[in-house]
Amino acid sequence: LYFSAQEGILFFYHIKDLQYEMKICADILQPISSLIFSPDYTVLLLVTDQGTIYTYKPAHSGEAVKLLDACSSCFLAADFLTPGNKYCVSVTISGEVQVWFLEDGTCLSKLNLDIEVHII
């Protein structure tokens, strides 16, 4: 079980029967608004309240790596494009939808919806 706290800390709870163990995986110093696993569960996207997107690879137990930083408008949400885990799609509050190459954060495509976006 992965979850985040207000302070921007990513936690992992390993639960087996009635026993559990808690581990701090990453501290990104920004409140995390959403966590999204890739379809094959090898990469976790962390979207912050400030509009930054990080990647975390549970199998490598390393730090979270900043992939995308908020530019003109904060990222509101992100998800993987399937199949695979090479690309993600994001949407900003201003309504810009973007497709990203996860390996280096290259923006491959964008579309402006010309409307403010809200998550419900």
Protein backbone atom coordinates (compact mmCIF):
# COMPACT_ATOMS: atom_id res chain seq x y z
CA LEU A 1 0.00 0.00 0.00
CA TYR A 2 1.47 3.36 -1.06
CA PHE A 3 0.12 6.63 0.29
CA SER A 4 1.26 10.19 0.82
CA ALA A 5 1.03 12.68 3.63
CA GLN A 6 0.40 16.44 3.59
CA GLU A 7 4.11 17.15 3.85
CA GLY A 8 4.94 15.43 0.53
CA ILE A 9 6.22 12.17 1.95
CA LEU A 10 5.55 8.95 0.05
CA PHE A 11 4.99 6.00 2.40
CA PHE A 12 4.84 2.26 1.76
CA TYR A 13 3.00 -0.12 4.06
CA HIS A 14 3.86 -3.80 3.63
CA ILE A 15 0.92 -5.69 5.10
CA LYS A 16 0.99 -9.42 5.72
CA ASP A 17 -1.68 -11.11 7.80
CA LEU A 18 -1.98 -8.99 10.96
CA GLN A 19 1.58 -7.61 10.73
CA TYR A 20 2.68 -4.48 8.90
CA GLU A 21 5.87 -2.57 8.25
CA MET A 22 6.03 1.10 7.27
CA LYS A 23 8.78 2.59 5.12
CA ILE A 24 9.38 6.16 3.93
CA CYS A 25 10.10 5.95 0.20
CA ALA A 26 10.56 9.57 -0.84
CA ASP A 27 10.22 13.11 0.46
CA ILE A 28 9.49 15.63 -2.27
CA LEU A 29 8.73 18.56 0.07
CA GLN A 30 5.45 19.38 -1.72
CA PRO A 31 1.97 18.08 -0.87
CA ILE A 32 1.08 15.20 -3.21
CA SER A 33 -2.38 15.42 -4.78
CA SER A 34 -2.42 12.08 -6.61
CA LEU A 35 -0.53 8.81 -7.09
CA ILE A 36 -0.90 6.82 -10.32
CA PHE A 37 0.72 3.44 -11.05
CA SER A 38 1.79 2.44 -14.54
CA PRO A 39 -0.19 -0.50 -15.98
CA ASP A 40 2.69 -2.88 -15.18
CA TYR A 41 3.18 -1.39 -11.67
CA THR A 42 6.85 -0.51 -12.28
CA VAL A 43 6.51 3.30 -12.15
CA LEU A 44 4.48 5.53 -9.87
CA LEU A 45 3.58 9.09 -10.96
CA LEU A 46 3.34 11.61 -8.13
CA VAL A 47 1.43 14.81 -8.93
CA THR A 48 1.86 17.65 -6.43
CA ASP A 49 -0.51 20.43 -5.38
CA GLN A 50 1.98 22.88 -6.90
CA GLY A 51 1.75 21.22 -10.31
CA THR A 52 4.99 19.25 -10.45
CA ILE A 53 5.11 15.62 -11.60
CA TYR A 54 7.63 13.11 -10.21
CA THR A 55 8.33 9.48 -11.06
CA TYR A 56 9.17 6.84 -8.47
CA LYS A 57 10.28 3.28 -9.28
CA PRO A 58 9.39 1.00 -6.33
CA ALA A 59 11.71 -1.82 -7.45
CA HIS A 60 14.72 0.52 -7.38
CA SER A 61 13.86 2.06 -3.96
CA GLY A 62 15.48 5.29 -5.04
CA GLU A 63 14.39 8.87 -4.75
CA ALA A 64 11.50 10.35 -6.67
CA VAL A 65 12.75 12.04 -9.84
CA LYS A 66 11.25 15.33 -11.00
CA LEU A 67 9.88 14.73 -14.47
CA LEU A 68 7.84 17.84 -15.22
CA ASP A 69 7.67 21.19 -13.51
CA ALA A 70 4.71 23.52 -13.56
CA CYS A 71 5.12 26.05 -16.31
CA SER A 72 2.48 28.60 -17.22
CA SER A 73 -0.26 26.60 -15.51
CA CYS A 74 -0.15 23.92 -12.83
CA PHE A 75 -0.59 20.29 -13.80
CA LEU A 76 -3.91 19.18 -12.40
CA ALA A 77 -3.74 15.48 -13.20
CA ALA A 78 -1.64 12.93 -15.06
CA ASP A 79 -1.94 9.32 -16.10
CA PHE A 80 -0.11 6.74 -18.18
CA LEU A 81 -0.97 6.12 -21.82
CA THR A 82 -1.43 2.40 -22.29
CA PRO A 83 -0.23 -0.06 -23.30
CA GLY A 84 3.14 0.24 -21.62
CA ASN A 85 4.63 2.93 -19.41
CA LYS A 86 6.69 5.05 -21.81
CA TYR A 87 4.24 7.94 -22.13
CA CYS A 88 1.93 9.93 -19.90
CA VAL A 89 -0.77 12.47 -20.51
CA SER A 90 -1.33 15.52 -18.31
CA VAL A 91 -3.88 18.28 -18.08
CA THR A 92 -3.35 21.75 -16.66
CA ILE A 93 -5.85 23.97 -14.88
CA SER A 94 -5.94 26.21 -17.98
CA GLY A 95 -7.08 23.25 -20.12
CA GLU A 96 -3.88 22.26 -21.90
CA VAL A 97 -3.61 18.50 -22.51
CA GLN A 98 -0.06 17.26 -23.11
CA VAL A 99 1.57 13.94 -23.98
CA TRP A 100 5.04 13.34 -22.47
CA PHE A 101 7.86 10.87 -23.07
CA LEU A 102 8.65 9.63 -19.54
CA GLU A 103 12.29 8.79 -20.17
CA ASP A 104 13.40 12.41 -20.49
CA GLY A 105 10.28 14.56 -19.99
CA THR A 106 9.99 15.60 -23.64
CA CYS A 107 6.61 17.07 -24.57
CA LEU A 108 5.46 15.18 -27.69
CA SER A 109 2.09 16.76 -28.27
CA LYS A 110 -0.30 19.29 -26.80
CA LEU A 111 -3.87 20.38 -27.27
CA ASN A 112 -5.53 23.43 -25.75
CA LEU A 113 -9.16 22.81 -24.73
CA ASP A 114 -9.78 26.57 -24.28
CA ILE A 115 -11.60 25.93 -21.01
CA GLU A 116 -10.61 25.86 -17.35
CA VAL A 117 -10.41 22.29 -16.01
CA HIS A 118 -11.50 21.01 -12.59
CA ILE A 119 -11.21 17.55 -11.06
CA ILE A 120 -14.42 16.24 -9.57
